[in-house]
């Protein structure tokens, strides 16, 4: 029973150390990005102030959180909603691929192709 308790305490210690490391790393590039870029979401163009700045996140364009060049070329500021969408797109890409290897053709159906004719016929009746 003490072995299980020891394993749990080791896990708790490792998780706590990882959280501290992530927070320190994030603080470094987040602060830099907030100094480099205007406080505007790069997708929806929502503007931020000090009051709601916590909702503005730093997105790593290449999805590598260890790639933090000083010039900020791998960062973009996104609101929490757009950031979630961006990561969801990446997860879908990893899981399902780009779809470019399948022979899919663009949609060709045009629901309004005969609209003028259909409107003319309807008024004639």
N, C-alpha and C. Protein backbone atom coordinates (compact mmCIF):
# COMPACT_ATOMS: atom_id res chain seq x y z
N UNK A 1 0.82 -1.19 0.00
CA UNK A 1 0.00 0.00 0.00
C UNK A 1 0.86 1.25 0.00
N UNK A 2 1.98 1.24 0.68
CA UNK A 2 2.87 2.40 0.68
C UNK A 2 3.50 2.60 -0.68
N UNK A 3 3.67 1.51 -1.44
CA UNK A 3 4.23 1.63 -2.78
C UNK A 3 3.30 2.42 -3.69
N UNK A 4 2.00 2.16 -3.58
CA UNK A 4 1.02 2.88 -4.39
C UNK A 4 0.99 4.36 -4.01
N UNK A 5 1.07 4.64 -2.71
CA UNK A 5 1.08 6.02 -2.24
C UNK A 5 2.35 6.73 -2.72
N UNK A 6 3.48 6.02 -2.71
CA UNK A 6 4.75 6.60 -3.18
C UNK A 6 4.67 6.90 -4.67
N UNK A 7 4.07 5.97 -5.45
CA UNK A 7 3.91 6.19 -6.88
C UNK A 7 3.04 7.42 -7.16
N UNK A 8 1.97 7.58 -6.39
CA UNK A 8 1.09 8.72 -6.55
C UNK A 8 1.82 10.02 -6.21
N UNK A 9 2.60 10.02 -5.15
CA UNK A 9 3.31 11.23 -4.77
C UNK A 9 4.39 11.57 -5.80
N UNK A 10 5.03 10.55 -6.39
CA UNK A 10 6.02 10.80 -7.45
C UNK A 10 5.33 11.42 -8.66
N UNK A 11 4.17 10.87 -9.03
CA UNK A 11 3.42 11.40 -10.16
C UNK A 11 2.99 12.84 -9.90
N UNK A 12 2.50 13.10 -8.70
CA UNK A 12 2.10 14.47 -8.33
C UNK A 12 3.29 15.43 -8.44
N UNK A 13 4.44 14.98 -7.99
CA UNK A 13 5.65 15.81 -8.04
C UNK A 13 6.05 16.09 -9.49
N UNK A 14 6.01 15.07 -10.33
CA UNK A 14 6.37 15.24 -11.74
C UNK A 14 5.38 16.19 -12.43
N UNK A 15 4.10 16.01 -12.17
CA UNK A 15 3.09 16.89 -12.77
C UNK A 15 3.25 18.33 -12.31
N UNK A 16 3.55 18.52 -11.03
CA UNK A 16 3.75 19.87 -10.51
C UNK A 16 4.97 20.53 -11.16
N UNK A 17 6.05 19.77 -11.30
CA UNK A 17 7.24 20.31 -11.96
C UNK A 17 6.94 20.68 -13.41
N UNK A 18 6.18 19.84 -14.11
CA UNK A 18 5.83 20.11 -15.50
C UNK A 18 4.96 21.36 -15.61
N UNK A 19 4.02 21.54 -14.69
CA UNK A 19 3.17 22.74 -14.71
C UNK A 19 4.01 24.00 -14.50
N UNK A 20 4.95 23.94 -13.57
CA UNK A 20 5.83 25.08 -13.32
C UNK A 20 6.67 25.39 -14.56
N UNK A 21 7.23 24.35 -15.16
CA UNK A 21 8.03 24.54 -16.37
C UNK A 21 7.20 25.15 -17.48
N UNK A 22 6.00 24.63 -17.71
CA UNK A 22 5.13 25.17 -18.77
C UNK A 22 4.76 26.62 -18.50
N UNK A 23 4.46 26.95 -17.26
CA UNK A 23 4.09 28.32 -16.91
C UNK A 23 5.26 29.28 -17.14
N UNK A 24 6.47 28.87 -16.77
CA UNK A 24 7.65 29.72 -16.98
C UNK A 24 7.93 29.91 -18.46
N UNK A 25 7.86 28.82 -19.21
CA UNK A 25 8.10 28.90 -20.65
C UNK A 25 7.07 29.77 -21.33
N UNK A 26 5.80 29.56 -20.97
CA UNK A 26 4.74 30.35 -21.57
C UNK A 26 4.87 31.83 -21.23
N UNK A 27 5.21 32.12 -20.01
CA UNK A 27 5.34 33.52 -19.60
C UNK A 27 6.41 34.22 -20.43
N UNK A 28 7.47 33.53 -20.72
CA UNK A 28 8.54 34.13 -21.52
C UNK A 28 8.09 34.53 -22.91
N UNK A 29 7.53 33.58 -23.68
CA UNK A 29 7.15 33.91 -25.05
C UNK A 29 5.86 34.71 -25.11
N UNK A 30 4.99 34.54 -24.13
CA UNK A 30 3.76 35.33 -24.11
C UNK A 30 4.07 36.81 -23.92
N UNK A 31 4.93 37.09 -22.95
CA UNK A 31 5.31 38.48 -22.71
C UNK A 31 5.98 39.09 -23.94
N UNK A 32 6.84 38.34 -24.59
CA UNK A 32 7.51 38.83 -25.79
C UNK A 32 6.50 39.10 -26.90
N UNK A 33 5.58 38.15 -27.10
CA UNK A 33 4.60 38.30 -28.17
C UNK A 33 3.68 39.50 -27.92
N UNK A 34 3.31 39.72 -26.66
CA UNK A 34 2.44 40.86 -26.35
C UNK A 34 3.14 42.19 -26.55
N UNK A 35 4.47 42.18 -26.47
CA UNK A 35 5.23 43.40 -26.74
C UNK A 35 5.41 43.61 -28.25
N UNK A 36 5.51 42.53 -29.00
CA UNK A 36 5.75 42.62 -30.44
C UNK A 36 4.50 42.96 -31.25
N UNK A 37 3.39 42.36 -30.88
CA UNK A 37 2.19 42.45 -31.72
C UNK A 37 1.11 43.29 -31.06
N UNK A 38 0.24 43.90 -31.88
CA UNK A 38 -0.91 44.62 -31.31
C UNK A 38 -1.86 43.61 -30.67
N UNK A 39 -2.59 44.03 -29.68
CA UNK A 39 -3.47 43.14 -28.93
C UNK A 39 -4.78 42.92 -29.69
N UNK A 40 -4.66 42.25 -30.82
CA UNK A 40 -5.80 41.97 -31.69
C UNK A 40 -5.71 40.51 -32.13
N UNK A 41 -6.83 39.80 -32.13
CA UNK A 41 -6.85 38.42 -32.59
C UNK A 41 -6.53 38.40 -34.08
N UNK A 42 -5.61 37.54 -34.45
CA UNK A 42 -5.19 37.43 -35.84
C UNK A 42 -6.23 36.81 -36.75
N UNK A 43 -7.29 36.24 -36.22
CA UNK A 43 -8.33 35.63 -37.04
C UNK A 43 -9.59 36.49 -37.08
N UNK A 44 -10.18 36.73 -35.93
CA UNK A 44 -11.47 37.44 -35.89
C UNK A 44 -11.32 38.94 -35.69
N UNK A 45 -10.11 39.42 -35.49
CA UNK A 45 -9.76 40.84 -35.32
C UNK A 45 -10.40 41.48 -34.07
N UNK A 46 -10.75 40.67 -33.11
CA UNK A 46 -11.25 41.20 -31.84
C UNK A 46 -10.12 41.92 -31.13
N UNK A 47 -10.41 43.11 -30.59
CA UNK A 47 -9.39 43.90 -29.91
C UNK A 47 -9.44 43.64 -28.40
N UNK A 48 -8.27 43.71 -27.78
CA UNK A 48 -8.16 43.40 -26.35
C UNK A 48 -7.55 44.57 -25.60
N UNK A 49 -7.93 44.68 -24.33
CA UNK A 49 -7.37 45.67 -23.41
C UNK A 49 -6.80 44.91 -22.22
N UNK A 50 -6.25 45.63 -21.28
CA UNK A 50 -5.71 44.97 -20.08
C UNK A 50 -6.80 44.20 -19.31
N UNK A 51 -8.03 44.65 -19.42
CA UNK A 51 -9.13 44.01 -18.70
C UNK A 51 -9.37 42.58 -19.19
N UNK A 52 -9.34 42.36 -20.51
CA UNK A 52 -9.64 41.04 -21.05
C UNK A 52 -8.44 40.38 -21.74
N UNK A 53 -7.25 40.86 -21.44
CA UNK A 53 -6.04 40.35 -22.09
C UNK A 53 -5.80 38.88 -21.83
N UNK A 54 -6.31 38.36 -20.75
CA UNK A 54 -6.11 36.93 -20.43
C UNK A 54 -6.77 36.04 -21.48
N UNK A 55 -7.71 36.58 -22.26
CA UNK A 55 -8.40 35.81 -23.30
C UNK A 55 -7.64 35.81 -24.62
N UNK A 56 -6.51 36.50 -24.68
CA UNK A 56 -5.68 36.53 -25.88
C UNK A 56 -4.51 35.58 -25.67
N UNK A 57 -4.37 34.62 -26.58
CA UNK A 57 -3.35 33.59 -26.43
C UNK A 57 -2.29 33.70 -27.51
N UNK A 58 -1.17 33.06 -27.27
CA UNK A 58 -0.11 32.99 -28.27
C UNK A 58 -0.20 31.63 -28.94
N UNK A 59 -0.41 31.64 -30.23
CA UNK A 59 -0.49 30.40 -31.01
C UNK A 59 0.83 30.18 -31.73
N UNK A 60 1.37 28.98 -31.63
CA UNK A 60 2.58 28.62 -32.36
C UNK A 60 2.16 28.12 -33.75
N UNK A 61 2.57 28.82 -34.77
CA UNK A 61 2.15 28.53 -36.13
C UNK A 61 2.51 27.11 -36.53
N UNK A 62 3.71 26.65 -36.15
CA UNK A 62 4.12 25.28 -36.51
C UNK A 62 3.73 24.26 -35.45
N UNK A 63 2.97 24.66 -34.45
CA UNK A 63 2.48 23.81 -33.36
C UNK A 63 3.60 23.24 -32.50
N UNK A 64 4.78 23.82 -32.57
CA UNK A 64 5.92 23.38 -31.75
C UNK A 64 6.14 24.44 -30.67
N UNK A 65 5.76 24.13 -29.45
CA UNK A 65 5.84 25.11 -28.36
C UNK A 65 7.27 25.37 -27.90
N UNK A 66 8.22 24.60 -28.40
CA UNK A 66 9.62 24.86 -28.08
C UNK A 66 10.30 25.72 -29.14
N UNK A 67 9.62 26.01 -30.24
CA UNK A 67 10.16 26.86 -31.30
C UNK A 67 9.70 28.29 -31.03
N UNK A 68 10.54 29.05 -30.34
CA UNK A 68 10.21 30.40 -29.93
C UNK A 68 11.28 31.40 -30.37
N UNK A 69 11.37 31.69 -31.67
CA UNK A 69 12.36 32.66 -32.13
C UNK A 69 12.07 34.05 -31.56
N UNK A 70 13.11 34.78 -31.28
CA UNK A 70 12.98 36.11 -30.67
C UNK A 70 12.18 37.07 -31.54
N UNK A 71 12.26 36.90 -32.87
CA UNK A 71 11.53 37.82 -33.75
C UNK A 71 10.03 37.53 -33.79
N UNK A 72 9.59 36.45 -33.15
CA UNK A 72 8.16 36.15 -33.09
C UNK A 72 7.59 35.55 -34.36
N UNK A 73 8.45 35.08 -35.25
CA UNK A 73 7.98 34.58 -36.55
C UNK A 73 7.15 33.29 -36.44
N UNK A 74 7.18 32.62 -35.31
CA UNK A 74 6.38 31.41 -35.14
C UNK A 74 5.14 31.65 -34.27
N UNK A 75 4.84 32.88 -33.97
CA UNK A 75 3.73 33.20 -33.09
C UNK A 75 2.68 34.02 -33.81
N UNK A 76 1.47 33.85 -33.35
CA UNK A 76 0.39 34.78 -33.70
C UNK A 76 -0.54 34.86 -32.51
N UNK A 77 -1.08 36.03 -32.28
CA UNK A 77 -2.01 36.22 -31.18
C UNK A 77 -3.40 35.87 -31.65
N UNK A 78 -4.04 34.96 -30.89
CA UNK A 78 -5.40 34.54 -31.20
C UNK A 78 -6.24 34.57 -29.93
N UNK A 79 -7.51 34.93 -30.07
CA UNK A 79 -8.40 34.84 -28.91
C UNK A 79 -8.59 33.37 -28.57
N UNK A 80 -9.09 33.09 -27.40
CA UNK A 80 -9.19 31.70 -26.97
C UNK A 80 -10.09 30.88 -27.89
N UNK A 81 -11.09 31.50 -28.48
CA UNK A 81 -12.01 30.78 -29.36
C UNK A 81 -11.33 30.42 -30.68
N UNK A 82 -10.67 31.38 -31.29
CA UNK A 82 -9.96 31.12 -32.55
C UNK A 82 -8.79 30.17 -32.33
N UNK A 83 -8.16 30.26 -31.16
CA UNK A 83 -7.04 29.36 -30.84
C UNK A 83 -7.56 27.92 -30.76
N UNK A 84 -8.69 27.72 -30.12
CA UNK A 84 -9.27 26.38 -30.05
C UNK A 84 -9.61 25.86 -31.44
N UNK A 85 -10.17 26.71 -32.30
CA UNK A 85 -10.49 26.29 -33.66
C UNK A 85 -9.24 25.91 -34.43
N UNK A 86 -8.18 26.68 -34.26
CA UNK A 86 -6.93 26.41 -34.96
C UNK A 86 -6.36 25.05 -34.55
N UNK A 87 -6.41 24.75 -33.26
CA UNK A 87 -5.90 23.46 -32.80
C UNK A 87 -6.81 22.33 -33.23
N UNK A 88 -8.11 22.57 -33.29
CA UNK A 88 -9.04 21.55 -33.77
C UNK A 88 -8.76 21.22 -35.24
N UNK A 89 -8.47 22.24 -36.04
CA UNK A 89 -8.11 22.00 -37.45
C UNK A 89 -6.85 21.14 -37.54
N UNK A 90 -5.88 21.43 -36.69
CA UNK A 90 -4.63 20.66 -36.70
C UNK A 90 -4.87 19.22 -36.28
N UNK A 91 -5.67 19.02 -35.25
CA UNK A 91 -5.98 17.66 -34.80
C UNK A 91 -6.69 16.88 -35.91
N UNK A 92 -7.63 17.52 -36.58
CA UNK A 92 -8.32 16.86 -37.69
C UNK A 92 -7.37 16.54 -38.84
N UNK A 93 -6.45 17.43 -39.11
CA UNK A 93 -5.47 17.19 -40.16
C UNK A 93 -4.60 15.99 -39.81
N UNK A 94 -4.14 15.92 -38.58
CA UNK A 94 -3.29 14.80 -38.15
C UNK A 94 -4.09 13.50 -38.20
N UNK A 95 -5.34 13.56 -37.74
CA UNK A 95 -6.14 12.34 -37.66
C UNK A 95 -6.63 11.87 -39.02
N UNK A 96 -7.08 12.80 -39.86
CA UNK A 96 -7.72 12.41 -41.11
C UNK A 96 -6.91 12.74 -42.36
N UNK A 97 -5.86 13.50 -42.22
CA UNK A 97 -5.06 13.88 -43.37
C UNK A 97 -5.65 15.07 -44.10
N UNK A 98 -4.99 15.43 -45.16
CA UNK A 98 -5.41 16.62 -45.90
C UNK A 98 -6.55 16.33 -46.86
N UNK A 99 -6.74 15.06 -47.19
CA UNK A 99 -7.78 14.72 -48.16
C UNK A 99 -7.33 14.93 -49.58
N UNK A 100 -6.11 15.43 -49.78
CA UNK A 100 -5.64 15.69 -51.13
C UNK A 100 -5.27 14.41 -51.87
N UNK A 101 -5.01 13.32 -51.14
CA UNK A 101 -4.66 12.08 -51.79
C UNK A 101 -5.88 11.38 -52.37
N UNK A 102 -7.06 11.75 -51.93
CA UNK A 102 -8.26 11.15 -52.52
C UNK A 102 -8.65 11.93 -53.75
N UNK A 103 -9.29 11.25 -54.67
CA UNK A 103 -9.67 11.88 -55.94
C UNK A 103 -11.01 12.58 -55.77
N UNK A 104 -11.02 13.67 -55.04
CA UNK A 104 -12.26 14.42 -54.86
C UNK A 104 -12.30 15.56 -55.86
N UNK A 105 -13.47 15.73 -56.42
CA UNK A 105 -13.62 16.81 -57.38
C UNK A 105 -14.49 17.89 -56.75
N UNK A 106 -14.32 19.11 -57.19
CA UNK A 106 -15.12 20.20 -56.62
C UNK A 106 -16.59 20.04 -56.99
N UNK A 107 -17.45 20.59 -56.15
CA UNK A 107 -18.89 20.53 -56.41
C UNK A 107 -19.21 21.34 -57.66
N UNK A 108 -20.07 20.79 -58.48
CA UNK A 108 -20.45 21.48 -59.72
C UNK A 108 -21.92 21.84 -59.76
N UNK A 109 -22.69 21.36 -58.81
CA UNK A 109 -24.12 21.64 -58.80
C UNK A 109 -24.37 23.10 -58.49
N UNK A 110 -25.19 23.75 -59.28
CA UNK A 110 -25.54 25.14 -59.07
C UNK A 110 -27.06 25.21 -58.89
N UNK A 111 -27.54 25.40 -57.68
CA UNK A 111 -28.98 25.38 -57.43
C UNK A 111 -29.72 26.55 -58.08
N UNK A 112 -29.01 27.58 -58.48
CA UNK A 112 -29.65 28.75 -59.08
C UNK A 112 -29.46 28.81 -60.60
N UNK A 113 -29.01 27.73 -61.19
CA UNK A 113 -28.69 27.74 -62.62
C UNK A 113 -29.90 28.12 -63.47
N UNK A 114 -31.06 27.58 -63.17
CA UNK A 114 -32.25 27.85 -63.98
C UNK A 114 -33.25 28.74 -63.25
N UNK A 115 -32.78 29.52 -62.32
CA UNK A 115 -33.68 30.32 -61.50
C UNK A 115 -34.51 31.29 -62.33
N UNK A 116 -33.88 31.95 -63.27
CA UNK A 116 -34.59 32.93 -64.10
C UNK A 116 -35.72 32.25 -64.87
N UNK A 117 -35.40 31.10 -65.45
CA UNK A 117 -36.40 30.35 -66.20
C UNK A 117 -37.53 29.86 -65.30
N UNK A 118 -37.17 29.36 -64.12
CA UNK A 118 -38.18 28.87 -63.18
C UNK A 118 -39.07 30.01 -62.70
N UNK A 119 -38.50 31.17 -62.48
CA UNK A 119 -39.30 32.32 -62.04
C UNK A 119 -40.24 32.76 -63.15
N UNK A 120 -39.77 32.73 -64.38
CA UNK A 120 -40.60 33.12 -65.53
C UNK A 120 -41.76 32.14 -65.66
N UNK A 121 -41.47 30.83 -65.54
CA UNK A 121 -42.53 29.82 -65.66
C UNK A 121 -43.54 29.95 -64.54
N UNK A 122 -43.10 30.28 -63.37
CA UNK A 122 -44.00 30.39 -62.22
C UNK A 122 -44.96 31.57 -62.40
N UNK A 123 -44.47 32.69 -62.95
CA UNK A 123 -45.32 33.87 -63.13
C UNK A 123 -46.27 33.68 -64.32
N UNK A 124 -45.91 32.80 -65.25
CA UNK A 124 -46.77 32.55 -66.40
C UNK A 124 -47.98 31.70 -66.01
N UNK A 125 -47.88 30.93 -64.94
CA UNK A 125 -48.98 30.03 -64.56
C UNK A 125 -50.09 30.73 -63.91
